[in-house]
Amino acid sequence: MIKIKIFNFFKQIPLWLKIVVGIISLILILILGFYSYFFVYLDFKYKQDEKIIDQKFHQEILRVPQMKITSFQLWEGDSMVTAEIENKGEVKFWYGLDGVPRIDNIDGHSTMYTCFYVDPNGKKIGYAYDTELSLKNNGQFTKWFPFEINNLSGLVERYDEIEKVLVSFPVISETVPFKDMTGERQVLEKSDPNFVVKQQLFGREVWCDLHQ
């Protein structure tokens, strides 16, 4: 009796509504399947990459006795490293499949910079992202660092040169509050055009203030 009532109920549903519900259900199944596959694939890829990074890093560090590792942590297909360089100082950086892609901090100098969308006059109009120091050949920091670093020995050899450039960056003394939908932060009221990394994101102009 109950089955008959349920059958009659569905029989009364208009055809167009059945089609809409069917399409929505199919879309939801496809989305769920895509995300399940995507995250399973990413997790597998991250673990495979981390195995390679772990082995590569510990083989390379044996050839760089001047660098003493205080922290090495694998993280989402990458690794975060803190090290002491003999007779120099501390450096925090990322180490990946291609070596040293980004530097976070060197001898107390932060090398992570906040980037903002700007208007045609260079006025900040919205937070974009944070970027780290990347010393790739012909990269965005080449103007200040005309050399490439992608391995541990290069980081040791160029340590003093990097620090010398960082010390030349302007010191942030006066800031103003800046608030948008991402929150509130203290920023330079006006960017120094001589110490700005200019990029494009989704066709919009982005400026990153360099400072020490």
N, C-alpha and C. Protein backbone atom coordinates (compact mmCIF):
# COMPACT_ATOMS: atom_id res chain seq x y z
N MET A 1 0.83 -1.21 0.00
CA MET A 1 0.00 0.00 0.00
C MET A 1 0.86 1.26 0.00
N ILE A 2 1.89 1.25 0.86
CA ILE A 2 2.78 2.41 0.96
C ILE A 2 3.54 2.60 -0.35
N LYS A 3 3.99 1.49 -0.97
CA LYS A 3 4.71 1.56 -2.24
C LYS A 3 3.83 2.17 -3.32
N ILE A 4 2.56 1.80 -3.31
CA ILE A 4 1.62 2.33 -4.32
C ILE A 4 1.47 3.84 -4.15
N LYS A 5 1.33 4.30 -2.89
CA LYS A 5 1.19 5.72 -2.62
C LYS A 5 2.43 6.49 -3.07
N ILE A 6 3.61 5.94 -2.79
CA ILE A 6 4.86 6.60 -3.20
C ILE A 6 4.94 6.66 -4.72
N PHE A 7 4.56 5.54 -5.37
CA PHE A 7 4.58 5.50 -6.84
C PHE A 7 3.64 6.54 -7.43
N ASN A 8 2.43 6.62 -6.86
CA ASN A 8 1.45 7.59 -7.33
C ASN A 8 1.93 9.03 -7.12
N PHE A 9 2.64 9.25 -5.99
CA PHE A 9 3.17 10.60 -5.70
C PHE A 9 4.17 11.03 -6.76
N PHE A 10 5.12 10.13 -7.09
CA PHE A 10 6.11 10.46 -8.10
C PHE A 10 5.48 10.58 -9.49
N LYS A 11 4.42 9.82 -9.69
CA LYS A 11 3.74 9.85 -10.99
C LYS A 11 3.08 11.21 -11.22
N GLN A 12 2.71 11.88 -10.12
CA GLN A 12 2.04 13.17 -10.22
C GLN A 12 3.02 14.33 -10.40
N ILE A 13 4.30 14.09 -10.19
CA ILE A 13 5.30 15.15 -10.33
C ILE A 13 5.42 15.52 -11.80
N PRO A 14 5.37 16.79 -12.13
CA PRO A 14 5.47 17.22 -13.54
C PRO A 14 6.80 16.76 -14.16
N LEU A 15 6.76 16.50 -15.44
CA LEU A 15 7.95 16.04 -16.15
C LEU A 15 9.09 17.03 -16.08
N TRP A 16 8.76 18.32 -16.22
CA TRP A 16 9.82 19.34 -16.20
C TRP A 16 10.55 19.36 -14.87
N LEU A 17 9.80 19.11 -13.76
CA LEU A 17 10.43 19.09 -12.45
C LEU A 17 11.33 17.87 -12.29
N LYS A 18 10.89 16.72 -12.85
CA LYS A 18 11.73 15.52 -12.81
C LYS A 18 13.05 15.76 -13.55
N ILE A 19 12.95 16.45 -14.70
CA ILE A 19 14.14 16.73 -15.49
C ILE A 19 15.09 17.65 -14.72
N VAL A 20 14.54 18.70 -14.10
CA VAL A 20 15.36 19.65 -13.34
C VAL A 20 16.06 18.94 -12.17
N VAL A 21 15.28 18.13 -11.43
CA VAL A 21 15.87 17.39 -10.29
C VAL A 21 16.95 16.42 -10.77
N GLY A 22 16.68 15.77 -11.92
CA GLY A 22 17.67 14.84 -12.47
C GLY A 22 18.95 15.54 -12.86
N ILE A 23 18.83 16.70 -13.51
CA ILE A 23 20.02 17.46 -13.92
C ILE A 23 20.81 17.93 -12.71
N ILE A 24 20.10 18.47 -11.70
CA ILE A 24 20.77 18.94 -10.49
C ILE A 24 21.49 17.78 -9.79
N SER A 25 20.82 16.64 -9.71
CA SER A 25 21.42 15.46 -9.06
C SER A 25 22.68 15.02 -9.81
N LEU A 26 22.61 15.03 -11.15
CA LEU A 26 23.76 14.64 -11.96
C LEU A 26 24.93 15.59 -11.75
N ILE A 27 24.62 16.89 -11.71
CA ILE A 27 25.66 17.89 -11.48
C ILE A 27 26.32 17.70 -10.12
N LEU A 28 25.51 17.47 -9.09
CA LEU A 28 26.06 17.26 -7.75
C LEU A 28 26.93 16.01 -7.69
N ILE A 29 26.50 14.94 -8.37
CA ILE A 29 27.29 13.70 -8.40
C ILE A 29 28.62 13.94 -9.09
N LEU A 30 28.60 14.68 -10.21
CA LEU A 30 29.83 14.98 -10.94
C LEU A 30 30.78 15.84 -10.12
N ILE A 31 30.22 16.85 -9.43
CA ILE A 31 31.05 17.72 -8.59
C ILE A 31 31.68 16.94 -7.45
N LEU A 32 30.88 16.12 -6.80
CA LEU A 32 31.38 15.30 -5.69
C LEU A 32 32.46 14.34 -6.18
N GLY A 33 32.23 13.73 -7.34
CA GLY A 33 33.22 12.81 -7.90
C GLY A 33 34.50 13.52 -8.26
N PHE A 34 34.38 14.72 -8.83
CA PHE A 34 35.56 15.49 -9.23
C PHE A 34 36.40 15.87 -8.01
N TYR A 35 35.74 16.40 -6.98
CA TYR A 35 36.48 16.81 -5.80
C TYR A 35 37.09 15.62 -5.07
N SER A 36 36.39 14.51 -5.03
CA SER A 36 36.94 13.32 -4.39
C SER A 36 38.20 12.86 -5.12
N TYR A 37 38.11 12.81 -6.46
CA TYR A 37 39.26 12.41 -7.27
C TYR A 37 40.39 13.41 -7.11
N PHE A 38 40.02 14.71 -7.15
CA PHE A 38 41.03 15.76 -7.09
C PHE A 38 41.84 15.69 -5.80
N PHE A 39 41.15 15.58 -4.66
CA PHE A 39 41.83 15.57 -3.37
C PHE A 39 42.60 14.27 -3.14
N VAL A 40 42.05 13.17 -3.60
CA VAL A 40 42.78 11.90 -3.49
C VAL A 40 44.04 11.95 -4.33
N TYR A 41 43.92 12.50 -5.54
CA TYR A 41 45.08 12.63 -6.43
C TYR A 41 46.12 13.55 -5.82
N LEU A 42 45.67 14.72 -5.30
CA LEU A 42 46.61 15.67 -4.70
C LEU A 42 47.35 15.05 -3.52
N ASP A 43 46.60 14.35 -2.67
CA ASP A 43 47.22 13.73 -1.50
C ASP A 43 48.27 12.72 -1.93
N PHE A 44 47.95 11.92 -2.94
CA PHE A 44 48.91 10.94 -3.46
C PHE A 44 50.14 11.64 -4.04
N LYS A 45 49.90 12.70 -4.84
CA LYS A 45 51.01 13.42 -5.47
C LYS A 45 51.89 14.10 -4.43
N TYR A 46 51.27 14.72 -3.43
CA TYR A 46 52.04 15.37 -2.37
C TYR A 46 52.96 14.37 -1.67
N LYS A 47 52.42 13.20 -1.36
CA LYS A 47 53.22 12.20 -0.65
C LYS A 47 54.38 11.71 -1.51
N GLN A 48 54.12 11.53 -2.81
CA GLN A 48 55.19 11.11 -3.71
C GLN A 48 56.27 12.18 -3.80
N ASP A 49 55.85 13.44 -3.95
CA ASP A 49 56.80 14.55 -4.03
C ASP A 49 57.61 14.68 -2.75
N GLU A 50 56.95 14.52 -1.60
CA GLU A 50 57.63 14.65 -0.32
C GLU A 50 58.71 13.59 -0.13
N LYS A 51 58.45 12.38 -0.63
CA LYS A 51 59.47 11.32 -0.55
C LYS A 51 60.72 11.73 -1.34
N ILE A 52 60.50 12.28 -2.52
CA ILE A 52 61.62 12.71 -3.37
C ILE A 52 62.35 13.88 -2.73
N ILE A 53 61.60 14.85 -2.20
CA ILE A 53 62.19 16.03 -1.56
C ILE A 53 63.01 15.63 -0.35
N ASP A 54 62.46 14.76 0.48
CA ASP A 54 63.14 14.31 1.69
C ASP A 54 64.49 13.67 1.35
N GLN A 55 64.48 12.79 0.38
CA GLN A 55 65.71 12.11 -0.02
C GLN A 55 66.70 13.09 -0.66
N LYS A 56 66.21 13.94 -1.55
CA LYS A 56 67.05 14.90 -2.26
C LYS A 56 67.70 15.88 -1.28
N PHE A 57 66.89 16.39 -0.33
CA PHE A 57 67.40 17.37 0.62
C PHE A 57 68.51 16.78 1.48
N HIS A 58 68.27 15.61 2.04
CA HIS A 58 69.25 15.03 2.96
C HIS A 58 70.51 14.53 2.24
N GLN A 59 70.40 14.26 0.97
CA GLN A 59 71.61 13.96 0.20
C GLN A 59 72.40 15.24 -0.08
N GLU A 60 71.68 16.32 -0.40
CA GLU A 60 72.35 17.58 -0.72
C GLU A 60 72.99 18.22 0.50
N ILE A 61 72.33 18.13 1.65
CA ILE A 61 72.85 18.79 2.85
C ILE A 61 74.18 18.19 3.28
N LEU A 62 74.43 16.95 2.93
CA LEU A 62 75.70 16.32 3.27
C LEU A 62 76.88 17.00 2.56
N ARG A 63 76.59 17.66 1.44
CA ARG A 63 77.64 18.34 0.67
C ARG A 63 77.79 19.81 1.06
N VAL A 64 77.04 20.22 2.09
CA VAL A 64 77.10 21.63 2.52
C VAL A 64 77.31 21.66 4.04
N PRO A 65 78.54 21.38 4.50
CA PRO A 65 78.80 21.29 5.94
C PRO A 65 78.64 22.62 6.68
N GLN A 66 78.66 23.74 5.95
CA GLN A 66 78.51 25.05 6.60
C GLN A 66 77.08 25.30 7.08
N MET A 67 76.14 24.49 6.61
CA MET A 67 74.73 24.68 6.95
C MET A 67 74.27 23.62 7.96
N LYS A 68 73.79 24.09 9.10
CA LYS A 68 73.30 23.21 10.15
C LYS A 68 71.77 23.35 10.23
N ILE A 69 71.08 22.26 10.03
CA ILE A 69 69.62 22.29 10.00
C ILE A 69 69.06 22.24 11.42
N THR A 70 68.21 23.21 11.76
CA THR A 70 67.53 23.21 13.06
C THR A 70 66.08 22.75 12.94
N SER A 71 65.53 22.83 11.71
CA SER A 71 64.15 22.37 11.50
C SER A 71 63.95 22.01 10.03
N PHE A 72 63.35 20.84 9.81
CA PHE A 72 63.00 20.40 8.46
C PHE A 72 61.64 19.76 8.53
N GLN A 73 60.66 20.35 7.83
CA GLN A 73 59.29 19.85 7.92
C GLN A 73 58.68 19.73 6.53
N LEU A 74 58.25 18.53 6.18
CA LEU A 74 57.55 18.31 4.91
C LEU A 74 56.14 18.86 5.03
N TRP A 75 55.67 19.50 3.95
CA TRP A 75 54.34 20.11 4.01
C TRP A 75 53.74 20.25 2.62
N GLU A 76 52.69 19.51 2.34
CA GLU A 76 51.91 19.59 1.11
C GLU A 76 52.77 19.60 -0.16
N GLY A 77 53.58 18.58 -0.30
CA GLY A 77 54.40 18.45 -1.49
C GLY A 77 55.57 19.40 -1.54
N ASP A 78 55.94 19.95 -0.39
CA ASP A 78 57.04 20.91 -0.30
C ASP A 78 57.71 20.68 1.05
N SER A 79 58.65 21.55 1.43
CA SER A 79 59.22 21.45 2.77
C SER A 79 59.66 22.82 3.25
N MET A 80 59.56 23.01 4.56
CA MET A 80 59.99 24.25 5.20
C MET A 80 61.24 23.96 6.03
N VAL A 81 62.25 24.83 5.87
CA VAL A 81 63.55 24.57 6.50
C VAL A 81 64.02 25.80 7.28
N THR A 82 64.56 25.56 8.46
CA THR A 82 65.26 26.60 9.21
C THR A 82 66.68 26.10 9.43
N ALA A 83 67.66 26.95 9.11
CA ALA A 83 69.06 26.51 9.20
C ALA A 83 69.95 27.63 9.71
N GLU A 84 71.06 27.23 10.30
CA GLU A 84 72.11 28.16 10.73
C GLU A 84 73.29 27.99 9.79
N ILE A 85 73.77 29.10 9.23
CA ILE A 85 74.93 29.05 8.36
C ILE A 85 76.14 29.51 9.15
N GLU A 86 77.16 28.70 9.16
CA GLU A 86 78.35 28.92 9.97
C GLU A 86 78.93 30.31 9.75
N ASN A 87 79.16 31.02 10.87
CA ASN A 87 79.77 32.36 10.87
C ASN A 87 78.92 33.41 10.14
N LYS A 88 77.64 33.11 9.93
CA LYS A 88 76.78 34.07 9.25
C LYS A 88 75.50 34.30 10.04
N GLY A 89 74.54 33.44 9.93
CA GLY A 89 73.30 33.63 10.66
C GLY A 89 72.25 32.63 10.25
N GLU A 90 71.02 32.92 10.63
CA GLU A 90 69.91 32.01 10.37
C GLU A 90 69.24 32.34 9.05
N VAL A 91 68.68 31.30 8.43
CA VAL A 91 67.88 31.49 7.22
C VAL A 91 66.71 30.51 7.24
N LYS A 92 65.54 31.02 6.86
CA LYS A 92 64.34 30.19 6.76
C LYS A 92 63.91 30.18 5.30
N PHE A 93 63.69 29.00 4.76
CA PHE A 93 63.37 28.91 3.34
C PHE A 93 62.56 27.66 3.05
N TRP A 94 62.04 27.61 1.83
CA TRP A 94 61.32 26.45 1.32
C TRP A 94 62.27 25.63 0.45
N TYR A 95 62.08 24.32 0.48
CA TYR A 95 62.89 23.44 -0.36
C TYR A 95 61.94 22.48 -1.07
N GLY A 96 62.01 22.49 -2.41
CA GLY A 96 61.09 21.65 -3.18
C GLY A 96 61.79 20.77 -4.18
N LEU A 97 61.06 20.29 -5.14
CA LEU A 97 61.61 19.40 -6.16
C LEU A 97 62.71 20.10 -6.97
N ASP A 98 62.58 21.42 -7.13
CA ASP A 98 63.56 22.18 -7.91
C ASP A 98 64.57 22.90 -7.04
N GLY A 99 64.72 22.50 -5.80
CA GLY A 99 65.72 23.12 -4.94
C GLY A 99 65.10 24.15 -4.00
N VAL A 100 65.64 25.36 -4.04
CA VAL A 100 65.23 26.43 -3.12
C VAL A 100 64.36 27.43 -3.88
N PRO A 101 63.05 27.28 -3.83
CA PRO A 101 62.20 28.19 -4.61
C PRO A 101 61.94 29.53 -3.94
N ARG A 102 61.90 29.55 -2.58
CA ARG A 102 61.51 30.77 -1.89
C ARG A 102 62.25 30.88 -0.56
N ILE A 103 62.56 32.14 -0.19
CA ILE A 103 63.20 32.43 1.09
C ILE A 103 62.24 33.27 1.93
N ASP A 104 62.06 32.90 3.19
CA ASP A 104 61.14 33.60 4.09
C ASP A 104 61.82 34.64 4.96
N ASN A 105 63.05 34.32 5.40
CA ASN A 105 63.72 35.19 6.36
C ASN A 105 65.22 34.89 6.32
N ILE A 106 66.03 35.94 6.41
CA ILE A 106 67.47 35.72 6.43
C ILE A 106 68.10 36.69 7.41
N ASP A 107 68.73 36.14 8.43
CA ASP A 107 69.39 36.91 9.48
C ASP A 107 68.45 37.94 10.11
N GLY A 108 67.21 37.56 10.31
CA GLY A 108 66.26 38.46 10.96
C GLY A 108 65.53 39.39 10.01
N HIS A 109 65.90 39.40 8.74
CA HIS A 109 65.24 40.24 7.75
C HIS A 109 64.12 39.44 7.10
N SER A 110 62.88 39.85 7.32
CA SER A 110 61.76 39.16 6.69
C SER A 110 61.80 39.40 5.18
N THR A 111 61.61 38.35 4.42
CA THR A 111 61.58 38.46 2.95
C THR A 111 60.21 38.01 2.44
N MET A 112 59.20 38.28 3.25
CA MET A 112 57.83 38.04 2.83
C MET A 112 57.16 39.41 2.71
N TYR A 113 56.61 39.68 1.53
CA TYR A 113 56.09 41.02 1.25
C TYR A 113 54.61 40.96 0.90
N THR A 114 53.86 41.97 1.38
CA THR A 114 52.43 42.04 1.14
C THR A 114 52.16 42.81 -0.15
N CYS A 115 51.26 42.27 -0.96
CA CYS A 115 50.97 42.84 -2.28
C CYS A 115 49.53 43.32 -2.34
N PHE A 116 49.33 44.45 -3.03
CA PHE A 116 48.01 45.07 -3.10
C PHE A 116 47.64 45.40 -4.54
N TYR A 117 46.35 45.32 -4.82
CA TYR A 117 45.84 45.89 -6.06
C TYR A 117 45.96 47.41 -5.93
N VAL A 118 46.34 48.06 -7.03
CA VAL A 118 46.49 49.51 -7.00
C VAL A 118 45.71 50.14 -8.15
N ASP A 119 45.37 51.43 -7.98
CA ASP A 119 44.73 52.16 -9.07
C ASP A 119 45.80 52.74 -9.99
N PRO A 120 45.44 53.44 -11.07
CA PRO A 120 46.44 53.99 -12.01
C PRO A 120 47.46 54.92 -11.36
N ASN A 121 47.16 55.45 -10.18
CA ASN A 121 48.08 56.35 -9.49
C ASN A 121 48.94 55.62 -8.45
N GLY A 122 48.80 54.31 -8.38
CA GLY A 122 49.58 53.54 -7.42
C GLY A 122 48.99 53.50 -6.02
N LYS A 123 47.76 53.94 -5.87
CA LYS A 123 47.12 53.91 -4.56
C LYS A 123 46.55 52.53 -4.28
N LYS A 124 46.78 52.03 -3.08
CA LYS A 124 46.30 50.70 -2.71
C LYS A 124 44.77 50.68 -2.63
N ILE A 125 44.16 49.70 -3.29
CA ILE A 125 42.71 49.62 -3.28
C ILE A 125 42.20 48.25 -2.80
N GLY A 126 43.10 47.31 -2.57
CA GLY A 126 42.66 46.00 -2.09
C GLY A 126 43.83 45.05 -1.91
N TYR A 127 43.77 44.22 -0.86
CA TYR A 127 44.81 43.21 -0.62
C TYR A 127 44.76 42.15 -1.70
N ALA A 128 45.94 41.75 -2.20
CA ALA A 128 46.01 40.70 -3.23
C ALA A 128 46.56 39.39 -2.66
N TYR A 129 47.78 39.40 -2.14
CA TYR A 129 48.41 38.20 -1.61
C TYR A 129 49.74 38.57 -0.97
N ASP A 130 50.40 37.60 -0.35
CA ASP A 130 51.77 37.77 0.16
C ASP A 130 52.71 37.00 -0.75
N THR A 131 53.89 37.53 -0.96
CA THR A 131 54.88 36.85 -1.79
C THR A 131 56.21 36.79 -1.06
N GLU A 132 56.99 35.75 -1.35
CA GLU A 132 58.28 35.57 -0.72
C GLU A 132 59.40 35.81 -1.71
N LEU A 133 60.60 35.99 -1.19
CA LEU A 133 61.76 36.24 -2.03
C LEU A 133 62.10 34.99 -2.84
N SER A 134 62.08 35.13 -4.15
CA SER A 134 62.40 34.03 -5.06
C SER A 134 63.54 34.49 -5.96
N LEU A 135 64.66 33.79 -5.91
CA LEU A 135 65.83 34.22 -6.66
C LEU A 135 66.05 33.34 -7.89
N LYS A 136 65.03 33.32 -8.73
CA LYS A 136 65.11 32.59 -9.99
C LYS A 136 65.72 33.48 -11.06
N ASN A 137 66.31 32.86 -12.06
CA ASN A 137 66.90 33.62 -13.17
C ASN A 137 65.81 34.38 -13.90
N ASN A 138 66.02 35.69 -14.10
CA ASN A 138 65.05 36.55 -14.77
C ASN A 138 63.71 36.59 -14.04
N GLY A 139 63.75 36.44 -12.73
CA GLY A 139 62.53 36.49 -11.94
C GLY A 139 62.16 37.92 -11.58
N GLN A 140 61.13 38.06 -10.76
CA GLN A 140 60.61 39.38 -10.43
C GLN A 140 61.53 40.19 -9.52
N PHE A 141 62.52 39.53 -8.88
CA PHE A 141 63.43 40.24 -7.99
C PHE A 141 64.81 40.48 -8.62
N THR A 142 64.94 40.21 -9.90
CA THR A 142 66.24 40.30 -10.57
C THR A 142 66.83 41.71 -10.52
N LYS A 143 65.99 42.72 -10.50
CA LYS A 143 66.46 44.11 -10.44
C LYS A 143 67.37 44.32 -9.25
N TRP A 144 67.08 43.68 -8.13
CA TRP A 144 67.86 43.86 -6.90
C TRP A 144 68.83 42.71 -6.67
N PHE A 145 68.50 41.54 -7.19
CA PHE A 145 69.34 40.35 -7.00
C PHE A 145 69.69 39.77 -8.37
N PRO A 146 70.75 40.27 -9.00
CA PRO A 146 71.10 39.82 -10.36
C PRO A 146 71.84 38.48 -10.37
N PHE A 147 71.33 37.52 -9.64
CA PHE A 147 71.92 36.18 -9.61
C PHE A 147 70.81 35.19 -9.28
N GLU A 148 71.07 33.94 -9.53
CA GLU A 148 70.08 32.89 -9.30
C GLU A 148 70.53 31.97 -8.17
N ILE A 149 69.58 31.57 -7.35
CA ILE A 149 69.85 30.60 -6.29
C ILE A 149 68.78 29.52 -6.35
N ASN A 150 69.18 28.27 -6.51
CA ASN A 150 68.21 27.18 -6.50
C ASN A 150 68.74 25.95 -5.78
N ASN A 151 69.83 26.12 -5.00
CA ASN A 151 70.34 24.99 -4.22
C ASN A 151 70.95 25.48 -2.91
N LEU A 152 71.30 24.57 -2.04
CA LEU A 152 71.78 24.92 -0.71
C LEU A 152 73.16 25.60 -0.75
N SER A 153 74.05 25.11 -1.58
CA SER A 153 75.38 25.71 -1.65
C SER A 153 75.30 27.15 -2.15
N GLY A 154 74.40 27.40 -3.09
CA GLY A 154 74.21 28.76 -3.59
C GLY A 154 73.69 29.68 -2.51
N LEU A 155 72.83 29.18 -1.66
CA LEU A 155 72.29 29.96 -0.56
C LEU A 155 73.39 30.34 0.43
N VAL A 156 74.29 29.40 0.68
CA VAL A 156 75.42 29.68 1.58
C VAL A 156 76.37 30.69 0.95
N GLU A 157 76.72 30.48 -0.31
CA GLU A 157 77.69 31.35 -0.99
C GLU A 157 77.17 32.78 -1.18
N ARG A 158 75.87 32.93 -1.37
CA ARG A 158 75.30 34.25 -1.66
C ARG A 158 74.67 34.90 -0.43
N TYR A 159 74.81 34.28 0.71
CA TYR A 159 74.16 34.76 1.93
C TYR A 159 74.48 36.23 2.19
N ASP A 160 75.76 36.59 2.18
CA ASP A 160 76.16 37.97 2.47
C ASP A 160 75.64 38.94 1.43
N GLU A 161 75.62 38.53 0.16
CA GLU A 161 75.12 39.39 -0.90
C GLU A 161 73.62 39.66 -0.72
N ILE A 162 72.89 38.61 -0.36
CA ILE A 162 71.45 38.77 -0.13
C ILE A 162 71.20 39.75 1.01
N GLU A 163 71.93 39.54 2.11
CA GLU A 163 71.74 40.39 3.27
C GLU A 163 72.10 41.85 2.97
N LYS A 164 73.15 42.05 2.18
CA LYS A 164 73.57 43.41 1.82
C LYS A 164 72.46 44.13 1.06
N VAL A 165 71.79 43.43 0.16
CA VAL A 165 70.68 44.04 -0.60
C VAL A 165 69.50 44.31 0.32
N LEU A 166 69.18 43.37 1.19
CA LEU A 166 68.03 43.55 2.09
C LEU A 166 68.21 44.75 3.00
N VAL A 167 69.44 44.99 3.44
CA VAL A 167 69.72 46.13 4.30
C VAL A 167 69.50 47.45 3.56
N SER A 168 69.62 47.42 2.23
CA SER A 168 69.44 48.64 1.44
C SER A 168 67.97 48.98 1.21
N PHE A 169 67.06 48.04 1.52
CA PHE A 169 65.64 48.31 1.35
C PHE A 169 65.18 49.34 2.39
N PRO A 170 64.17 50.14 2.06
CA PRO A 170 63.69 51.15 3.01
C PRO A 170 63.14 50.54 4.28
N VAL A 171 63.33 51.29 5.37
CA VAL A 171 62.80 50.86 6.67
C VAL A 171 61.38 51.41 6.82
N ILE A 172 60.46 50.56 7.17
CA ILE A 172 59.09 51.02 7.40
C ILE A 172 59.03 51.76 8.74
N SER A 173 58.76 53.04 8.68
CA SER A 173 58.69 53.83 9.90
C SER A 173 57.26 54.28 10.19
N GLU A 174 56.57 54.77 9.16
CA GLU A 174 55.21 55.24 9.35
C GLU A 174 54.24 54.42 8.49
N THR A 175 53.20 53.94 9.12
CA THR A 175 52.20 53.16 8.39
C THR A 175 50.81 53.73 8.69
N VAL A 176 49.87 53.33 7.87
CA VAL A 176 48.48 53.75 8.07
C VAL A 176 47.61 52.50 8.04
N PRO A 177 46.47 52.54 8.71
CA PRO A 177 45.58 51.37 8.67
C PRO A 177 44.92 51.24 7.30
N PHE A 178 44.84 50.01 6.83
CA PHE A 178 44.18 49.73 5.55
C PHE A 178 43.20 48.60 5.78
N LYS A 179 41.95 48.81 5.35
CA LYS A 179 40.92 47.81 5.61
C LYS A 179 40.15 47.52 4.34
N ASP A 180 39.95 46.23 4.06
CA ASP A 180 39.08 45.80 2.97
C ASP A 180 38.35 44.54 3.42
N MET A 181 37.76 43.82 2.49
CA MET A 181 36.97 42.66 2.86
C MET A 181 37.80 41.54 3.48
N THR A 182 39.13 41.57 3.31
CA THR A 182 40.01 40.53 3.86
C THR A 182 40.43 40.83 5.29
N GLY A 183 40.13 42.05 5.78
CA GLY A 183 40.52 42.41 7.13
C GLY A 183 41.25 43.73 7.18
N GLU A 184 41.87 44.01 8.32
CA GLU A 184 42.61 45.28 8.49
C GLU A 184 44.08 44.99 8.74
N ARG A 185 44.95 45.81 8.16
CA ARG A 185 46.39 45.67 8.33
C ARG A 185 47.05 47.04 8.24
N GLN A 186 48.26 47.13 8.79
CA GLN A 186 49.02 48.37 8.71
C GLN A 186 49.88 48.33 7.45
N VAL A 187 49.85 49.40 6.65
CA VAL A 187 50.58 49.42 5.38
C VAL A 187 51.27 50.76 5.18
N LEU A 188 52.22 50.79 4.25
CA LEU A 188 52.81 52.05 3.83
C LEU A 188 51.74 52.89 3.13
N GLU A 189 51.66 54.15 3.50
CA GLU A 189 50.65 55.01 2.88
C GLU A 189 50.94 55.19 1.39
N LYS A 190 52.22 55.32 1.04
CA LYS A 190 52.61 55.52 -0.35
C LYS A 190 53.80 54.63 -0.68
N SER A 191 53.72 53.88 -1.75
CA SER A 191 54.80 52.98 -2.15
C SER A 191 55.98 53.77 -2.72
N ASP A 192 57.19 53.27 -2.48
CA ASP A 192 58.39 53.83 -3.09
C ASP A 192 58.57 53.13 -4.44
N PRO A 193 58.43 53.84 -5.57
CA PRO A 193 58.51 53.19 -6.88
C PRO A 193 59.84 52.50 -7.15
N ASN A 194 60.89 52.87 -6.41
CA ASN A 194 62.19 52.22 -6.58
C ASN A 194 62.28 50.88 -5.87
N PHE A 195 61.31 50.61 -5.00
CA PHE A 195 61.33 49.37 -4.22
C PHE A 195 59.96 48.71 -4.25
N VAL A 196 59.49 48.49 -5.47
CA VAL A 196 58.19 47.85 -5.67
C VAL A 196 58.32 46.76 -6.73
N VAL A 197 57.78 45.60 -6.43
CA VAL A 197 57.66 44.53 -7.42
C VAL A 197 56.27 44.66 -8.04
N LYS A 198 56.24 44.86 -9.36
CA LYS A 198 54.97 45.05 -10.04
C LYS A 198 54.58 43.78 -10.78
N GLN A 199 53.34 43.35 -10.57
CA GLN A 199 52.83 42.13 -11.19
C GLN A 199 51.43 42.36 -11.73
N GLN A 200 50.93 41.36 -12.42
CA GLN A 200 49.56 41.39 -12.91
C GLN A 200 48.82 40.16 -12.37
N LEU A 201 47.58 40.37 -11.93
CA LEU A 201 46.75 39.26 -11.46
C LEU A 201 45.34 39.47 -12.00
N PHE A 202 44.92 38.53 -12.85
CA PHE A 202 43.60 38.62 -13.48
C PHE A 202 43.42 39.96 -14.20
N GLY A 203 44.51 40.41 -14.83
CA GLY A 203 44.45 41.64 -15.60
C GLY A 203 44.50 42.91 -14.77
N ARG A 204 44.73 42.78 -13.48
CA ARG A 204 44.79 43.95 -12.60
C ARG A 204 46.21 44.18 -12.11
N GLU A 205 46.56 45.44 -11.93
CA GLU A 205 47.91 45.81 -11.49
C GLU A 205 48.07 45.53 -10.00
N VAL A 206 49.17 44.85 -9.65
CA VAL A 206 49.49 44.52 -8.26
C VAL A 206 50.88 45.04 -7.94
N TRP A 207 51.03 45.71 -6.79
CA TRP A 207 52.32 46.19 -6.32
C TRP A 207 52.65 45.53 -4.99
N CYS A 208 53.92 45.12 -4.85
CA CYS A 208 54.41 44.54 -3.61
C CYS A 208 55.52 45.45 -3.06
N ASP A 209 55.31 46.01 -1.88
CA ASP A 209 56.30 46.91 -1.26
C ASP A 209 57.45 46.11 -0.66
N LEU A 210 58.69 46.44 -1.07
CA LEU A 210 59.87 45.82 -0.48
C LEU A 210 60.36 46.69 0.68
N HIS A 211 60.75 46.05 1.75
CA HIS A 211 61.18 46.80 2.93
C HIS A 211 62.01 45.88 3.81
N GLN A 212 62.67 46.46 4.80
CA GLN A 212 63.38 45.64 5.77
C GLN A 212 62.74 45.77 7.14
